[in-house]
Amino acid sequence: MADGAPIPGEPSPLGLITSIATSIRRERERAGLSLSELARRSGLAKSTLSQLEAGTGNPSVETLWALGVALGVPFSHLVDPPRPAVRVIRAGEGEATRSERADYAATLLASCPPGARRDIYRIEAQPGEPRLSDAHMPHTTEHLVIGAGRALAGPAGEPVELGPGDYLTYPGDAPHVFQALEPGTSAVIVMEHR
């Protein structure tokens, strides 16, 4: 597909932002929180939250993680619209959420369906600043497989160097890091929520 062309079955960037806005509002109301309280819990400005719920903001990975933790929901609940039963996502397709601190992009491939407790992400990263992640919800475990390149990943205090095909699991409910060591580094992360 040509760059910028819509992907059949995938949301447009505007559709993704609208979906995120609806999800944030839905989860905030489900939790019984005001905008002010959610701002306090997430460490975000109330004006930023108001823009996000209005569909006029473009949240980073860090913003969505902070909201997920504050709302007690996985990241995927905020970004994944309903999907058809059979779906193919080709390499390079799908909506990527970018980090504001590192050359790092996460594309949600599959979120937890009812009764399951896992999300799957494709990661694409370039050498440079590491992607430092704050702790996610309690009892979150991450499973990482490197597809291409090399990365330093895992607990913030004890990262491990990994190459193609290497697997690592670590607590996602503690600070952790992902840093590409080679151009074109890619990986798959499965987040397990208990």
Protein backbone atom coordinates (compact mmCIF):
# COMPACT_ATOMS: atom_id res chain seq x y z
CA MET A 1 0.00 0.00 0.00
CA ALA A 2 1.10 3.51 -0.70
CA ASP A 3 2.24 5.59 2.24
CA GLY A 4 -0.69 7.44 3.74
CA ALA A 5 -3.26 5.17 2.07
CA PRO A 6 -5.95 3.77 4.35
CA ILE A 7 -5.41 0.17 5.43
CA PRO A 8 -8.54 -1.95 5.03
CA GLY A 9 -9.95 -2.79 8.46
CA GLU A 10 -7.58 -0.36 10.21
CA PRO A 11 -8.59 3.00 11.70
CA SER A 12 -7.39 6.21 10.06
CA PRO A 13 -5.15 8.43 12.22
CA LEU A 14 -8.17 10.68 12.86
CA GLY A 15 -10.25 7.59 13.65
CA LEU A 16 -7.60 6.36 16.08
CA ILE A 17 -7.54 9.71 17.90
CA THR A 18 -11.35 9.69 18.08
CA SER A 19 -11.27 6.11 19.40
CA ILE A 20 -8.66 7.06 22.04
CA ALA A 21 -10.78 10.07 23.08
CA THR A 22 -13.86 7.87 23.48
CA SER A 23 -11.88 5.23 25.41
CA ILE A 24 -10.35 7.74 27.84
CA ARG A 25 -13.76 9.27 28.58
CA ARG A 26 -15.38 5.80 28.93
CA GLU A 27 -12.69 4.52 31.34
CA ARG A 28 -12.63 7.76 33.36
CA GLU A 29 -16.41 7.66 33.80
CA ARG A 30 -16.31 3.92 34.58
CA ALA A 31 -13.79 4.69 37.34
CA GLY A 32 -15.99 7.54 38.62
CA LEU A 33 -13.20 10.12 38.27
CA SER A 34 -13.43 13.79 37.41
CA LEU A 35 -10.98 15.28 34.91
CA SER A 36 -9.24 16.98 37.84
CA GLU A 37 -8.81 13.72 39.76
CA LEU A 38 -7.56 11.84 36.70
CA ALA A 39 -5.10 14.69 36.04
CA ARG A 40 -3.82 14.42 39.61
CA ARG A 41 -3.46 10.61 39.48
CA SER A 42 -1.78 10.56 36.07
CA GLY A 43 0.46 13.59 36.54
CA LEU A 44 -0.99 15.20 33.40
CA ALA A 45 -2.44 18.68 33.04
CA LYS A 46 -6.23 18.90 33.18
CA SER A 47 -6.14 20.92 29.93
CA THR A 48 -4.24 18.06 28.24
CA LEU A 49 -6.87 15.55 29.38
CA SER A 50 -9.65 17.82 28.20
CA GLN A 51 -8.03 18.03 24.75
CA LEU A 52 -7.56 14.27 24.62
CA GLU A 53 -11.18 13.58 25.52
CA ALA A 54 -12.28 16.13 22.89
CA GLY A 55 -10.24 14.27 20.27
CA THR A 56 -7.97 17.24 19.60
CA GLY A 57 -4.81 15.88 21.23
CA ASN A 58 -2.28 13.37 19.89
CA PRO A 59 -1.07 11.42 22.94
CA SER A 60 2.38 9.84 23.21
CA VAL A 61 3.11 6.34 24.52
CA GLU A 62 4.09 7.89 27.87
CA THR A 63 0.81 9.80 28.17
CA LEU A 64 -1.29 6.72 27.41
CA TRP A 65 0.67 4.54 29.86
CA ALA A 66 0.23 7.16 32.59
CA LEU A 67 -3.51 7.25 31.90
CA GLY A 68 -3.76 3.43 31.86
CA VAL A 69 -2.00 3.17 35.23
CA ALA A 70 -4.14 5.96 36.72
CA LEU A 71 -7.32 4.30 35.42
CA GLY A 72 -6.23 0.75 36.33
CA VAL A 73 -6.59 -0.52 32.74
CA PRO A 74 -4.09 -1.91 30.22
CA PHE A 75 -2.73 0.46 27.56
CA SER A 76 -4.68 -1.51 24.95
CA HIS A 77 -8.04 -0.50 26.46
CA LEU A 78 -7.25 3.07 25.46
CA VAL A 79 -6.02 2.50 21.89
CA ASP A 80 -7.62 -0.60 20.41
CA PRO A 81 -10.95 -0.20 18.59
CA PRO A 82 -13.17 -3.26 17.98
CA ARG A 83 -11.62 -5.63 15.40
CA PRO A 84 -12.91 -8.26 12.97
CA ALA A 85 -12.47 -11.93 13.95
CA VAL A 86 -9.80 -12.59 11.28
CA ARG A 87 -7.19 -9.91 10.79
CA VAL A 88 -3.78 -9.63 9.15
CA ILE A 89 -1.39 -6.82 10.01
CA ARG A 90 1.52 -6.69 7.59
CA ALA A 91 4.94 -5.43 8.67
CA GLY A 92 4.84 -1.63 8.63
CA GLU A 93 1.02 -1.48 8.86
CA GLY A 94 -1.09 -0.53 11.85
CA GLU A 95 -1.21 2.60 13.96
CA ALA A 96 2.03 3.20 15.82
CA THR A 97 2.11 5.21 19.03
CA ARG A 98 5.43 7.00 19.32
CA SER A 99 7.55 7.82 22.34
CA GLU A 100 8.28 11.47 23.03
CA ARG A 101 11.61 10.59 24.67
CA ALA A 102 13.17 7.97 22.38
CA ASP A 103 13.10 6.77 18.76
CA TYR A 104 10.61 4.03 19.73
CA ALA A 105 7.21 3.12 18.33
CA ALA A 106 4.71 0.56 19.68
CA THR A 107 2.00 -0.88 17.44
CA LEU A 108 -0.72 -2.78 19.27
CA LEU A 109 -1.24 -6.02 17.35
CA ALA A 110 -3.84 -7.68 19.61
CA SER A 111 -5.43 -6.65 22.87
CA CYS A 112 -6.95 -8.84 25.53
CA PRO A 113 -10.27 -10.25 24.47
CA PRO A 114 -12.76 -10.89 27.27
CA GLY A 115 -11.49 -13.69 29.51
CA ALA A 116 -7.86 -13.32 28.38
CA ARG A 117 -5.27 -11.14 30.05
CA ARG A 118 -2.59 -10.29 27.49
CA ASP A 119 -1.74 -7.69 24.85
CA ILE A 120 0.70 -8.08 21.94
CA TYR A 121 2.82 -5.23 20.53
CA ARG A 122 5.27 -4.87 17.66
CA ILE A 123 8.17 -2.57 18.60
CA GLU A 124 10.35 -0.67 16.15
CA ALA A 125 13.28 1.30 17.53
CA GLN A 126 16.48 3.04 16.47
CA PRO A 127 19.69 3.61 18.44
CA GLY A 128 19.65 6.68 20.67
CA GLU A 129 17.87 7.50 23.88
CA PRO A 130 16.54 4.42 25.72
CA ARG A 131 12.79 4.01 26.20
CA LEU A 132 12.44 4.07 29.99
CA SER A 133 9.08 2.74 31.16
CA ASP A 134 7.55 3.41 34.54
CA ALA A 135 5.91 0.51 36.34
CA HIS A 136 2.67 -0.69 34.76
CA MET A 137 -0.30 -2.11 36.67
CA PRO A 138 0.54 -4.54 39.51
CA HIS A 139 1.19 -8.15 38.44
CA THR A 140 2.13 -7.23 34.84
CA THR A 141 4.79 -9.43 33.21
CA GLU A 142 6.39 -8.62 29.86
CA HIS A 143 7.65 -11.24 27.40
CA LEU A 144 10.02 -9.91 24.73
CA VAL A 145 11.34 -11.56 21.54
CA ILE A 146 13.81 -9.70 19.33
CA GLY A 147 13.01 -10.04 15.63
CA ALA A 148 15.86 -7.99 14.11
CA GLY A 149 18.79 -5.95 15.34
CA ARG A 150 20.03 -5.87 18.92
CA ALA A 151 18.63 -4.28 22.06
CA LEU A 152 19.36 -3.71 25.71
CA ALA A 153 16.13 -4.52 27.56
CA GLY A 154 14.59 -5.60 30.84
CA PRO A 155 14.60 -4.27 34.39
CA ALA A 156 15.96 -0.70 34.52
CA GLY A 157 18.74 -1.73 36.92
CA GLU A 158 19.65 -5.00 35.16
CA PRO A 159 19.03 -4.78 31.39
CA VAL A 160 20.18 -7.66 29.18
CA GLU A 161 21.66 -7.44 25.67
CA LEU A 162 19.53 -9.42 23.21
CA GLY A 163 19.82 -10.39 19.54
CA PRO A 164 17.48 -11.86 16.89
CA GLY A 165 15.39 -14.71 18.28
CA ASP A 166 16.37 -14.05 21.91
CA TYR A 167 13.55 -14.15 24.48
CA LEU A 168 13.38 -12.30 27.80
CA THR A 169 10.68 -12.10 30.45
CA TYR A 170 10.67 -9.55 33.28
CA PRO A 171 8.30 -7.78 35.68
CA GLY A 172 6.38 -5.02 33.89
CA ASP A 173 5.20 -3.66 37.24
CA ALA A 174 8.70 -2.30 37.95
CA PRO A 175 10.66 0.31 35.94
CA HIS A 176 12.13 -1.21 32.77
CA VAL A 177 14.02 -0.19 29.65
CA PHE A 178 14.28 -0.88 25.91
CA GLN A 179 17.21 0.56 23.95
CA ALA A 180 17.98 -0.31 20.34
CA LEU A 181 21.66 -1.02 19.78
CA GLU A 182 21.43 -1.35 15.97
CA PRO A 183 19.40 0.48 13.31
CA GLY A 184 16.15 -1.26 12.37
CA THR A 185 15.74 -3.09 15.67
CA SER A 186 12.32 -4.72 16.00
CA ALA A 187 10.70 -6.91 18.61
CA VAL A 188 7.42 -8.35 19.80
CA ILE A 189 6.28 -7.76 23.37
CA VAL A 190 3.50 -9.77 25.01
CA MET A 191 2.17 -8.06 28.13
CA GLU A 192 0.53 -10.46 30.56
CA HIS A 193 -1.88 -8.95 33.08
CA ARG A 194 -2.99 -10.91 36.16
